[in-house]
Amino acid sequence: MPPECESEPTSRDKIIILGGGPNRIGQGIEFDYCCCHAAFACADLGVESIMVNCNPETVSTDYDTSDRLYFEPLTTEDVLEILATEQQNGTVKGLIVQFGGQTPLKLAQPLADEGAPILGTSVDAIDLAEDRNRFQELLHRIGLKQPDNTTAPSLDAARAAAGRIGYPVMLRPSYVLGGLAMQIAYGEEDLAEYVQRLTQALGGPSELAISEKKPLLIDRYLRDAIEVDVDAICDGADVFVAGVMEHIEEAGVHSGDSACALPPYSLPAPLIAEIEAQTRKLALALDVRGLINIQFAVKDGEIFILEANPRASRTAPFVAKAINRPIAAAAAKVMAGVKLSELKLDRPSKGHVAVKEAVFPFARFPGVDPVLGPEMRSTGEAMGIDENFEAAFAKSQIACGTTLPTEGRVFISVKAADKPALVPVARDLIGLGFQIVATGGTADYLKAEGVAVERVNKVAEGRPDIVDAMKNGEVHLVFNTTEGAQSHRDSYSIRRTALTQNIPYYTTVSGARAAVQAIRRLKGGAPLGVRALQAYA
């Protein structure tokens, strides 16, 4: 029996859109947004839209989003049966698998093997971007760089590979979503502990965690690099770069958790132009048809490609709103055969900055450490938009429920590598009328640099300590960075107390810098105004 649908099939040409299924961390409402806009694009083209999704809490399953809805699981068998049903009365131009996240993307190969027509980027090109060895060969062929990386089928091989690449390294198992189970290892002890935890999580011998078929992925970690996200549309001949986003948190924090600014707020124009040129080069080399998201890292002025995803990304809705252009709908039209030259896409000429900030659920989970890392933990996002970065960032913090102070005491405790970078931040805060509080090593370093600082006890040094001061309302802002497992454990109580006491806190140097810029804007500028989004078009 064919699956049930809302109405009987008609004889019009049709496009089948595969949704994302149930929401999960790393695959959320941003993909539903893209699926909806694909349906709207079908209406513009005079093509019937057939939505396949099984999540009642999404807009894509609303009765008026698509011409017909199949409320069915996203499996190869179900989709093939729906395809056969629709082909009985009309021509199915193809299936869109790149707008629903990883769930439909994994169906691309088995569907293609059964003869299903896949719209947009070919299945082979998708595999080329996801297969590390093939992707590495492609980058070498077109002259683009990526951080040193390799795979390891065992713990011994991982030790040898990490030693060859050089610590710190980024570790992750094969086939992960949303940065699941990713970790930065600073030495062999961290590496061994990671493999042990991975093994325990799978409840069996280490061969279940790492093997020839499921190798451990090892990448050189670019310490203090700036991460950049780019969303673009390619039709195989032309490329439209929709947005270049500079992450406010440095590389190593998952892109879904990092705040980002569009356009970049600290990168020079020639470097941004080179990133756009590399985007065009890679999109054409992959023969992309539709959306592509590329993640770059900038280290000492050198550009590295971290990964490329020839599909809709979680930043697509943000970019579309920031530039006020329907990029998901445009990409769907390109996948249906429309050329970019016909769409006449452009970016707005007015100068403004949009900042995306992540929303986290930490307060709802007792005992969770709110420090950011390579594993995605956010459950939402907000956007601030204004004529400059400082005001846009301030708006994004307000939208996420963070109230930045304009006076009071700031607690600073950072890892050794971050101490030089925090000196100008501390001086700026003093210039804005704040007092600086720090523990041990950070206090000594700041004092040696001529920064006025009040020393406070660590938790293990006796009371009253820093946590007591935070609970007593004597601390109004926290900057805390850590490195290594022991340092994370030692500073956990500080971050957790900041969370429970509603004290704004930042766990990266770049986040601290951005916060100070926003505070300066709040103290010295006119009140933040509210304007319609279309006013920035």
Protein backbone atom coordinates (compact mmCIF):
# COMPACT_ATOMS: atom_id res chain seq x y z
CA MET A 1 0.00 0.00 0.00
CA PRO A 2 1.36 3.47 -0.80
CA PRO A 3 1.87 5.83 2.15
CA GLU A 4 -0.94 8.21 2.99
CA CYS A 5 -0.71 11.79 1.79
CA GLU A 6 -2.83 14.92 2.10
CA SER A 7 -4.36 14.79 -1.38
CA GLU A 8 -4.29 12.80 -4.59
CA PRO A 9 -1.25 13.30 -6.86
CA THR A 10 -1.70 15.60 -9.85
CA SER A 11 -0.06 15.60 -13.27
CA ARG A 12 2.15 18.67 -12.76
CA ASP A 13 5.95 18.35 -12.64
CA LYS A 14 7.03 17.76 -9.06
CA ILE A 15 10.02 18.13 -6.77
CA ILE A 16 10.28 16.00 -3.63
CA ILE A 17 11.87 17.73 -0.62
CA LEU A 18 13.25 15.54 2.15
CA GLY A 19 13.02 17.17 5.59
CA GLY A 20 15.19 16.63 8.62
CA GLY A 21 12.94 14.38 10.69
CA PRO A 22 13.00 14.72 14.50
CA ASN A 23 15.11 17.61 15.79
CA ARG A 24 18.34 16.89 17.63
CA ILE A 25 21.45 18.79 18.69
CA GLY A 26 23.35 19.73 15.55
CA GLN A 27 20.28 19.38 13.32
CA GLY A 28 17.49 21.76 14.12
CA ILE A 29 15.05 24.32 12.87
CA GLU A 30 17.52 25.99 10.48
CA PHE A 31 17.15 23.01 8.15
CA ASP A 32 13.37 23.22 8.37
CA TYR A 33 13.69 26.87 7.31
CA CYS A 34 15.57 25.79 4.19
CA CYS A 35 13.03 23.07 3.36
CA CYS A 36 10.19 25.61 3.62
CA HIS A 37 11.96 28.01 1.28
CA ALA A 38 12.54 25.16 -1.16
CA ALA A 39 8.76 24.66 -1.24
CA PHE A 40 8.24 28.40 -1.80
CA ALA A 41 10.76 28.27 -4.67
CA CYS A 42 8.82 25.42 -6.26
CA ALA A 43 5.70 27.60 -6.21
CA ASP A 44 7.62 30.39 -7.97
CA LEU A 45 8.76 27.93 -10.65
CA GLY A 46 5.27 26.49 -11.15
CA VAL A 47 6.42 23.10 -9.90
CA GLU A 48 4.51 21.04 -7.36
CA SER A 49 6.32 20.68 -4.00
CA ILE A 50 6.13 17.32 -2.21
CA MET A 51 7.37 17.48 1.40
CA VAL A 52 8.49 14.33 3.21
CA ASN A 53 8.94 14.87 6.94
CA CYS A 54 7.80 13.31 10.20
CA ASN A 55 8.14 16.12 12.73
CA PRO A 56 4.84 17.75 13.76
CA GLU A 57 6.64 20.70 15.41
CA THR A 58 8.09 22.11 12.19
CA VAL A 59 6.75 24.65 9.72
CA SER A 60 7.54 22.32 6.81
CA THR A 61 4.75 20.02 7.99
CA ASP A 62 2.16 22.82 8.13
CA TYR A 63 -0.79 22.24 5.81
CA ASP A 64 -0.08 25.30 3.66
CA THR A 65 3.72 25.07 3.25
CA SER A 66 3.90 22.49 0.46
CA ASP A 67 1.46 21.25 -2.17
CA ARG A 68 1.48 17.81 -0.61
CA LEU A 69 2.85 16.39 2.62
CA TYR A 70 3.88 12.84 3.38
CA PHE A 71 4.18 12.47 7.14
CA GLU A 72 6.52 9.48 6.92
CA PRO A 73 9.90 8.40 8.36
CA LEU A 74 13.00 9.46 6.45
CA THR A 75 14.13 6.01 5.29
CA THR A 76 15.21 4.71 1.90
CA GLU A 77 12.23 2.39 1.63
CA ASP A 78 9.63 5.03 2.51
CA VAL A 79 11.10 7.62 0.15
CA LEU A 80 11.30 5.15 -2.74
CA GLU A 81 7.66 4.20 -2.20
CA ILE A 82 6.63 7.87 -2.17
CA LEU A 83 8.66 8.44 -5.35
CA ALA A 84 6.91 5.53 -7.07
CA THR A 85 3.49 6.84 -5.99
CA GLU A 86 4.20 10.32 -7.33
CA GLN A 87 5.63 9.01 -10.62
CA GLN A 88 2.34 7.27 -11.37
CA ASN A 89 0.78 10.63 -12.21
CA GLY A 90 3.27 13.23 -13.36
CA THR A 91 6.97 13.73 -13.73
CA VAL A 92 9.20 13.93 -10.66
CA LYS A 93 12.05 16.29 -11.62
CA GLY A 94 14.06 15.07 -8.67
CA LEU A 95 14.62 14.91 -4.93
CA ILE A 96 16.21 17.63 -2.80
CA VAL A 97 18.32 15.89 -0.14
CA GLN A 98 20.61 18.77 0.86
CA PHE A 99 18.21 20.95 2.83
CA GLY A 100 17.30 18.66 5.73
CA GLY A 101 20.68 18.18 7.36
CA GLN A 102 22.50 14.90 7.81
CA THR A 103 19.41 12.65 7.89
CA PRO A 104 18.35 13.00 4.21
CA LEU A 105 21.98 13.46 3.12
CA LYS A 106 22.73 9.92 4.29
CA LEU A 107 19.90 8.70 2.06
CA ALA A 108 21.43 10.22 -1.08
CA GLN A 109 23.64 7.26 -2.01
CA PRO A 110 21.11 4.44 -1.42
CA LEU A 111 18.41 6.45 -3.22
CA ALA A 112 20.73 7.10 -6.17
CA ASP A 113 21.65 3.40 -6.24
CA GLU A 114 17.94 2.64 -6.73
CA GLY A 115 17.71 5.08 -9.63
CA ALA A 116 16.07 7.98 -7.79
CA PRO A 117 16.81 11.35 -9.48
CA ILE A 118 18.81 13.55 -7.05
CA LEU A 119 18.63 17.28 -7.68
CA GLY A 120 21.57 19.62 -7.18
CA THR A 121 25.06 18.51 -6.22
CA SER A 122 25.78 14.94 -7.30
CA VAL A 123 26.09 12.12 -4.80
CA ASP A 124 29.71 11.64 -5.84
CA ALA A 125 30.50 15.31 -5.13
CA ILE A 126 28.89 14.98 -1.69
CA ASP A 127 31.08 11.95 -1.00
CA LEU A 128 34.13 13.81 -2.32
CA ALA A 129 33.60 16.54 0.29
CA GLU A 130 33.03 14.04 3.13
CA ASP A 131 35.77 11.51 2.29
CA ARG A 132 38.91 12.86 3.95
CA ASN A 133 41.37 11.27 1.56
CA ARG A 134 39.52 12.29 -1.61
CA PHE A 135 38.96 15.81 -0.27
CA GLN A 136 42.64 16.16 0.66
CA GLU A 137 43.66 15.12 -2.86
CA LEU A 138 41.26 17.68 -4.35
CA LEU A 139 42.66 20.51 -2.22
CA HIS A 140 46.22 19.60 -3.22
CA ARG A 141 45.19 19.56 -6.87
CA ILE A 142 43.65 23.07 -6.79
CA GLY A 143 46.33 24.54 -4.52
CA LEU A 144 44.37 25.11 -1.29
CA LYS A 145 45.62 24.35 2.22
CA GLN A 146 44.19 22.45 5.17
CA PRO A 147 45.65 21.68 8.62
CA ASP A 148 47.75 18.52 8.85
CA ASN A 149 45.43 15.59 9.39
CA THR A 150 45.26 11.83 9.25
CA THR A 151 43.24 8.83 10.42
CA ALA A 152 44.22 6.13 12.90
CA PRO A 153 42.72 2.61 13.19
CA SER A 154 44.09 1.97 16.71
CA LEU A 155 45.34 3.71 19.85
CA ASP A 156 48.99 2.97 19.00
CA ALA A 157 48.52 4.37 15.51
CA ALA A 158 46.80 7.42 17.01
CA ARG A 159 49.75 8.03 19.35
CA ALA A 160 52.19 7.85 16.45
CA ALA A 161 50.03 10.10 14.24
CA ALA A 162 49.49 12.73 16.94
CA GLY A 163 53.22 12.79 17.68
CA ARG A 164 53.95 13.29 13.99
CA ILE A 165 51.38 16.10 13.57
CA GLY A 166 52.28 17.71 16.90
CA TYR A 167 50.09 18.46 19.91
CA PRO A 168 47.53 19.87 20.47
CA VAL A 169 45.36 17.84 18.11
CA MET A 170 41.62 17.65 17.47
CA LEU A 171 40.15 14.17 17.94
CA ARG A 172 36.83 12.84 16.72
CA PRO A 173 35.33 9.50 15.80
CA SER A 174 34.17 8.79 12.25
CA TYR A 175 30.71 9.95 11.16
CA VAL A 176 29.86 12.49 13.84
CA LEU A 177 27.11 15.12 13.88
CA GLY A 178 27.23 18.46 15.66
CA GLY A 179 30.80 17.83 16.84
CA LEU A 180 29.58 14.90 18.93
CA ALA A 181 32.42 13.34 20.98
CA MET A 182 35.04 15.76 19.61
CA GLN A 183 37.89 16.81 21.92
CA ILE A 184 41.18 18.69 21.89
CA ALA A 185 44.09 16.58 23.18
CA TYR A 186 47.11 18.43 24.56
CA GLY A 187 49.26 15.35 25.10
CA GLU A 188 49.38 11.54 25.11
CA GLU A 189 47.53 11.37 28.44
CA ASP A 190 44.55 13.26 26.97
CA LEU A 191 44.62 11.01 23.89
CA ALA A 192 44.60 7.78 25.92
CA GLU A 193 41.85 9.11 28.20
CA TYR A 194 39.75 10.08 25.17
CA VAL A 195 40.00 6.61 23.59
CA GLN A 196 39.17 5.00 26.94
CA ARG A 197 36.02 7.14 27.33
CA LEU A 198 35.00 6.46 23.75
CA THR A 199 35.41 2.73 24.36
CA GLN A 200 33.42 2.81 27.60
CA ALA A 201 30.62 4.76 25.92
CA LEU A 202 30.26 1.98 23.36
CA GLY A 203 30.36 -0.68 26.06
CA GLY A 204 32.89 -3.04 24.53
CA PRO A 205 36.49 -3.59 23.41
CA SER A 206 38.44 -0.74 21.86
CA GLU A 207 37.88 -2.26 18.39
CA LEU A 208 34.28 -1.04 18.64
CA ALA A 209 35.48 2.54 19.08
CA ILE A 210 38.39 2.59 16.59
CA SER A 211 38.99 0.25 13.68
CA GLU A 212 39.97 0.22 10.00
CA LYS A 213 36.32 0.85 9.08
CA LYS A 214 35.82 3.44 11.83
CA PRO A 215 39.19 5.19 12.24
CA LEU A 216 39.88 7.98 14.69
CA LEU A 217 40.14 11.32 12.88
CA ILE A 218 43.11 13.42 13.96
CA ASP A 219 43.66 17.06 12.92
CA ARG A 220 46.27 19.59 13.88
CA TYR A 221 44.60 22.08 16.23
CA LEU A 222 45.29 25.63 15.08
CA ARG A 223 45.73 27.37 18.41
CA ASP A 224 44.41 30.95 18.53
CA ALA A 225 43.26 30.83 14.90
CA ILE A 226 40.25 32.83 13.71
CA GLU A 227 37.51 30.65 12.26
CA VAL A 228 35.47 31.87 9.30
CA ASP A 229 32.24 30.45 7.86
CA VAL A 230 31.19 31.11 4.27
CA ASP A 231 27.80 30.36 2.72
CA ALA A 232 27.63 30.43 -1.07
CA ILE A 233 25.48 29.28 -4.01
CA CYS A 234 27.02 27.64 -7.06
CA ASP A 235 25.37 26.65 -10.34
CA GLY A 236 28.42 24.87 -11.77
CA ALA A 237 29.58 27.94 -13.69
CA ASP A 238 29.10 30.93 -11.36
CA VAL A 239 29.34 31.36 -7.58
CA PHE A 240 27.44 33.85 -5.42
CA VAL A 241 29.13 34.35 -2.04
CA ALA A 242 26.19 35.16 0.22
CA GLY A 243 28.08 35.82 3.43
CA VAL A 244 31.51 35.68 5.06
CA MET A 245 31.16 35.27 8.83
CA GLU A 246 34.00 35.75 11.31
CA HIS A 247 33.64 33.68 14.45
CA ILE A 248 34.08 35.62 17.66
CA GLU A 249 35.30 32.50 19.47
CA GLU A 250 38.56 31.11 18.08
CA ALA A 251 38.87 27.88 16.09
CA GLY A 252 38.21 24.85 18.30
CA VAL A 253 34.80 26.05 19.48
CA HIS A 254 32.04 24.37 17.44
CA SER A 255 30.65 26.67 14.76
CA GLY A 256 27.12 26.14 16.10
CA ASP A 257 28.20 27.45 19.53
CA SER A 258 30.37 30.36 18.43
CA ALA A 259 29.05 33.86 18.02
CA CYS A 260 29.88 35.26 14.60
CA ALA A 261 29.81 38.58 12.77
CA LEU A 262 28.79 39.30 9.19
CA PRO A 263 30.73 40.96 7.65
CA PRO A 264 33.98 40.12 9.50
CA TYR A 265 34.83 42.71 12.13
CA SER A 266 38.62 42.30 12.43
CA LEU A 267 39.88 40.72 9.20
CA PRO A 268 41.50 42.98 6.56
CA ALA A 269 39.75 43.44 3.22
CA PRO A 270 42.45 41.67 1.11
CA LEU A 271 42.18 38.56 3.30
CA ILE A 272 38.37 38.54 3.02
CA ALA A 273 38.71 38.83 -0.77
CA GLU A 274 41.08 35.85 -0.79
CA ILE A 275 38.62 33.80 1.29
CA GLU A 276 35.89 34.62 -1.24
CA ALA A 277 38.22 33.64 -4.11
CA GLN A 278 39.01 30.30 -2.44
CA THR A 279 35.28 29.74 -1.89
CA ARG A 280 34.61 30.15 -5.61
CA LYS A 281 37.54 27.91 -6.51
CA LEU A 282 36.46 25.07 -4.22
CA ALA A 283 32.74 25.29 -5.08
CA LEU A 284 33.51 25.00 -8.78
CA ALA A 285 36.02 22.18 -8.21
CA LEU A 286 33.36 20.23 -6.30
CA ASP A 287 30.85 20.98 -9.08
CA VAL A 288 28.30 22.19 -6.55
CA ARG A 289 24.72 22.85 -7.63
CA GLY A 290 23.02 24.77 -4.84
CA LEU A 291 24.26 25.76 -1.39
CA ILE A 292 27.73 25.12 0.01
CA ASN A 293 29.15 25.99 3.42
CA ILE A 294 32.93 26.17 3.87
CA GLN A 295 34.72 26.58 7.19
CA PHE A 296 38.09 28.30 7.11
CA ALA A 297 40.70 29.04 9.79
CA VAL A 298 43.03 32.04 9.59
CA LYS A 299 46.32 31.59 11.44
CA ASP A 300 48.98 34.31 11.23
CA GLY A 301 47.46 35.58 7.97
CA GLU A 302 47.46 32.10 6.39
CA ILE A 303 44.15 30.56 5.26
CA PHE A 304 43.31 26.91 5.94
CA ILE A 305 40.19 24.99 4.89
CA LEU A 306 38.72 23.00 7.77
CA GLU A 307 35.82 21.40 5.91
CA ALA A 308 33.31 21.91 3.11
CA ASN A 309 29.64 20.90 3.22
CA PRO A 310 27.83 20.97 -0.15
CA ARG A 311 24.44 21.37 1.52
CA ALA A 312 22.38 23.82 3.54
CA SER A 313 24.13 24.86 6.73
CA ARG A 314 22.87 26.01 10.11
CA THR A 315 23.99 29.56 9.23
CA ALA A 316 21.83 29.83 6.08
CA PRO A 317 18.82 31.49 7.83
CA PHE A 318 21.12 33.95 9.64
CA VAL A 319 22.86 34.95 6.40
CA ALA A 320 19.54 35.31 4.60
CA LYS A 321 18.20 37.65 7.29
CA ALA A 322 21.46 39.58 7.58
CA ILE A 323 21.60 40.40 3.86
CA ASN A 324 17.80 40.28 3.35
CA ARG A 325 18.08 37.88 0.41
CA PRO A 326 16.23 34.51 0.12
CA ILE A 327 19.36 32.42 -0.39
CA ALA A 328 17.72 29.06 0.42
CA ALA A 329 14.96 29.65 -2.14
CA ALA A 330 17.54 30.84 -4.68
CA ALA A 331 19.63 27.70 -4.09
CA ALA A 332 16.55 25.52 -4.62
CA LYS A 333 15.90 27.24 -7.95
CA VAL A 334 19.52 26.63 -8.97
CA MET A 335 19.10 22.96 -8.07
CA ALA A 336 16.04 22.90 -10.34
CA GLY A 337 18.14 24.22 -13.25
CA VAL A 338 17.88 28.02 -13.00
CA LYS A 339 21.15 29.88 -13.60
CA LEU A 340 22.53 32.38 -11.08
CA SER A 341 22.69 34.99 -13.82
CA GLU A 342 18.89 34.78 -14.12
CA LEU A 343 18.38 35.30 -10.36
CA LYS A 344 20.45 38.52 -10.27
CA LEU A 345 21.49 38.06 -6.64
CA ASP A 346 23.45 40.78 -4.88
CA ARG A 347 24.49 41.80 -1.40
CA PRO A 348 23.10 44.95 0.25
CA SER A 349 25.07 48.14 -0.30
CA LYS A 350 24.26 49.68 3.09
CA GLY A 351 26.96 49.19 5.70
CA HIS A 352 25.74 47.27 8.72
CA VAL A 353 26.90 44.38 10.91
CA ALA A 354 24.86 41.37 12.03
CA VAL A 355 26.00 39.25 14.99
CA LYS A 356 24.72 35.74 15.66
CA GLU A 357 24.91 34.57 19.27
CA ALA A 358 24.19 31.06 20.53
CA VAL A 359 21.66 30.26 23.26
CA PHE A 360 22.61 27.51 25.71
CA PRO A 361 20.54 25.30 28.02
CA PHE A 362 23.18 25.08 30.79
CA ALA A 363 20.99 26.59 33.52
CA ARG A 364 18.47 23.75 33.11
CA PHE A 365 21.01 20.99 33.70
CA PRO A 366 22.59 20.95 37.17
CA GLY A 367 26.24 19.99 37.14
CA VAL A 368 26.91 20.80 33.47
CA ASP A 369 30.13 22.73 32.78
CA PRO A 370 29.36 25.73 30.51
CA VAL A 371 32.85 25.92 28.98
CA LEU A 372 32.75 25.89 25.15
CA GLY A 373 34.60 23.37 23.02
CA PRO A 374 34.41 21.37 19.78
CA GLU A 375 31.20 19.52 20.70
CA MET A 376 28.05 21.49 19.89
CA ARG A 377 25.90 22.30 22.93
CA SER A 378 23.68 25.24 21.94
CA THR A 379 19.95 24.84 21.45
CA GLY A 380 19.12 28.11 19.72
CA GLU A 381 20.45 31.45 18.56
CA ALA A 382 19.64 35.15 18.45
CA MET A 383 20.73 37.96 16.19
CA GLY A 384 21.75 41.57 16.78
CA ILE A 385 22.02 44.01 13.88
CA ASP A 386 23.27 47.58 13.84
CA GLU A 387 25.56 49.97 11.99
CA ASN A 388 28.70 48.78 13.82
CA PHE A 389 30.02 45.63 15.50
CA GLU A 390 29.94 46.97 19.06
CA ALA A 391 26.23 47.81 18.99
CA ALA A 392 25.30 44.63 17.10
CA PHE A 393 27.18 42.46 19.62
CA ALA A 394 25.54 44.27 22.53
CA LYS A 395 22.10 43.65 21.00
CA SER A 396 22.91 39.96 20.48
CA GLN A 397 23.84 39.60 24.16
CA ILE A 398 20.61 41.29 25.29
CA ALA A 399 18.61 39.01 22.98
CA CYS A 400 20.21 35.96 24.61
CA GLY A 401 19.40 37.17 28.11
CA THR A 402 22.88 38.44 29.00
CA THR A 403 23.00 41.84 30.69
CA LEU A 404 26.49 43.31 30.36
CA PRO A 405 27.49 45.49 33.33
CA THR A 406 28.62 49.08 32.88
CA GLU A 407 30.37 49.25 36.26
CA GLY A 408 31.62 46.98 39.04
CA ARG A 409 34.28 44.28 39.43
CA VAL A 410 35.56 41.92 36.76
CA PHE A 411 37.13 38.58 37.67
CA ILE A 412 39.90 37.39 35.32
CA SER A 413 41.47 33.92 35.46
CA VAL A 414 43.10 32.70 32.25
CA LYS A 415 45.54 30.07 31.05
CA ALA A 416 49.20 31.03 30.64
CA ALA A 417 49.02 31.39 26.86
CA ASP A 418 46.16 33.92 27.16
CA LYS A 419 47.72 36.19 29.80
CA PRO A 420 49.47 38.59 27.35
CA ALA A 421 46.25 39.02 25.34
CA LEU A 422 44.22 39.85 28.48
CA VAL A 423 46.51 42.71 29.55
CA PRO A 424 45.04 45.27 27.09
CA VAL A 425 41.55 43.96 27.89
CA ALA A 426 42.13 44.57 31.61
CA ARG A 427 43.50 48.06 30.90
CA ASP A 428 40.45 48.88 28.79
CA LEU A 429 38.17 47.77 31.63
CA ILE A 430 39.99 49.98 34.13
CA GLY A 431 39.68 52.86 31.69
CA LEU A 432 35.93 52.21 31.64
CA GLY A 433 35.78 52.47 35.45
CA PHE A 434 35.88 48.76 36.43
CA GLN A 435 37.99 47.12 39.14
CA ILE A 436 39.95 43.96 38.29
CA VAL A 437 39.98 40.87 40.54
CA ALA A 438 42.18 37.83 39.83
CA THR A 439 43.61 34.71 41.43
CA GLY A 440 47.28 33.76 41.90
CA GLY A 441 49.15 33.55 38.61
CA THR A 442 46.86 35.89 36.67
CA ALA A 443 47.02 38.52 39.41
CA ASP A 444 50.84 38.35 39.54
CA TYR A 445 51.10 38.64 35.76
CA LEU A 446 48.75 41.63 35.53
CA LYS A 447 50.50 43.38 38.41
CA ALA A 448 53.89 42.86 36.71
CA GLU A 449 52.42 44.52 33.60
CA GLY A 450 51.37 47.55 35.63
CA VAL A 451 47.68 46.70 35.84
CA ALA A 452 45.94 47.50 39.13
CA VAL A 453 44.46 44.23 40.38
CA GLU A 454 43.00 42.87 43.61
CA ARG A 455 44.10 39.34 44.47
CA VAL A 456 41.49 36.81 45.63
CA ASN A 457 41.81 33.23 46.87
CA LYS A 458 41.22 30.24 44.66
CA VAL A 459 38.64 27.78 45.97
CA ALA A 460 41.38 25.49 47.32
CA GLU A 461 43.29 28.32 49.05
CA GLY A 462 40.85 29.02 51.86
CA ARG A 463 37.85 31.25 52.41
CA PRO A 464 36.69 33.80 51.54
CA ASP A 465 37.44 32.70 47.97
CA ILE A 466 36.35 33.76 44.50
CA VAL A 467 33.16 31.68 44.59
CA ASP A 468 32.17 33.36 47.88
CA ALA A 469 32.73 36.77 46.26
CA MET A 470 30.56 35.80 43.29
CA LYS A 471 27.75 34.52 45.53
CA ASN A 472 27.92 37.73 47.58
CA GLY A 473 27.30 39.87 44.48
CA GLU A 474 30.85 41.28 44.51
CA VAL A 475 31.70 40.15 40.95
CA HIS A 476 29.78 41.45 37.93
CA LEU A 477 31.64 39.93 34.95
CA VAL A 478 33.86 36.83 34.53
CA PHE A 479 36.60 36.06 31.99
CA ASN A 480 37.86 32.49 32.43
CA THR A 481 39.89 30.41 29.97
CA THR A 482 41.35 26.96 30.62
CA GLU A 483 43.65 24.43 29.01
CA GLY A 484 43.96 20.76 29.92
CA ALA A 485 41.74 18.41 31.90
CA GLN A 486 43.01 19.41 35.36
CA SER A 487 42.58 23.13 34.68
CA HIS A 488 39.00 22.48 33.54
CA ARG A 489 38.24 20.65 36.77
CA ASP A 490 39.86 23.32 38.95
CA SER A 491 37.85 26.20 37.44
CA TYR A 492 34.54 24.36 37.06
CA SER A 493 33.03 25.89 40.22
CA ILE A 494 33.76 29.41 38.94
CA ARG A 495 31.89 28.92 35.66
CA ARG A 496 29.03 27.08 37.33
CA THR A 497 28.61 29.81 39.96
CA ALA A 498 28.61 32.48 37.26
CA LEU A 499 25.82 30.56 35.57
CA THR A 500 23.66 30.09 38.65
CA GLN A 501 24.20 33.71 39.82
CA ASN A 502 23.42 35.16 36.37
CA ILE A 503 26.87 36.74 36.08
CA PRO A 504 27.93 37.28 32.44
CA TYR A 505 30.93 35.07 31.67
CA TYR A 506 33.18 34.49 28.66
CA THR A 507 35.44 31.47 28.22
CA THR A 508 37.56 32.72 25.29
CA VAL A 509 39.84 35.74 24.86
CA SER A 510 38.02 36.82 21.70
CA GLY A 511 34.71 36.71 23.56
CA ALA A 512 36.18 38.87 26.30
CA ARG A 513 37.41 41.43 23.75
CA ALA A 514 33.99 41.60 22.11
CA ALA A 515 32.29 42.05 25.49
CA VAL A 516 34.56 45.01 26.33
CA GLN A 517 33.78 46.64 22.98
CA ALA A 518 30.06 46.25 23.64
CA ILE A 519 30.40 47.67 27.17
CA ARG A 520 32.23 50.70 25.79
CA ARG A 521 29.36 51.23 23.33
CA LEU A 522 26.75 50.89 26.10
CA LYS A 523 28.58 53.39 28.32
CA GLY A 524 29.54 56.00 25.75
CA GLY A 525 27.05 55.89 22.91
CA ALA A 526 23.44 56.75 22.32
CA PRO A 527 20.82 54.24 23.49
CA LEU A 528 20.53 51.18 21.27
CA GLY A 529 17.81 51.76 18.72
CA VAL A 530 15.30 49.35 17.19
CA ARG A 531 14.72 49.30 13.44
CA ALA A 532 12.95 46.95 11.05
CA LEU A 533 15.17 44.30 9.50
CA GLN A 534 14.28 45.59 6.05
CA ALA A 535 15.80 48.97 6.93
CA TYR A 536 19.25 47.39 6.59
CA ALA A 537 18.60 45.93 3.11
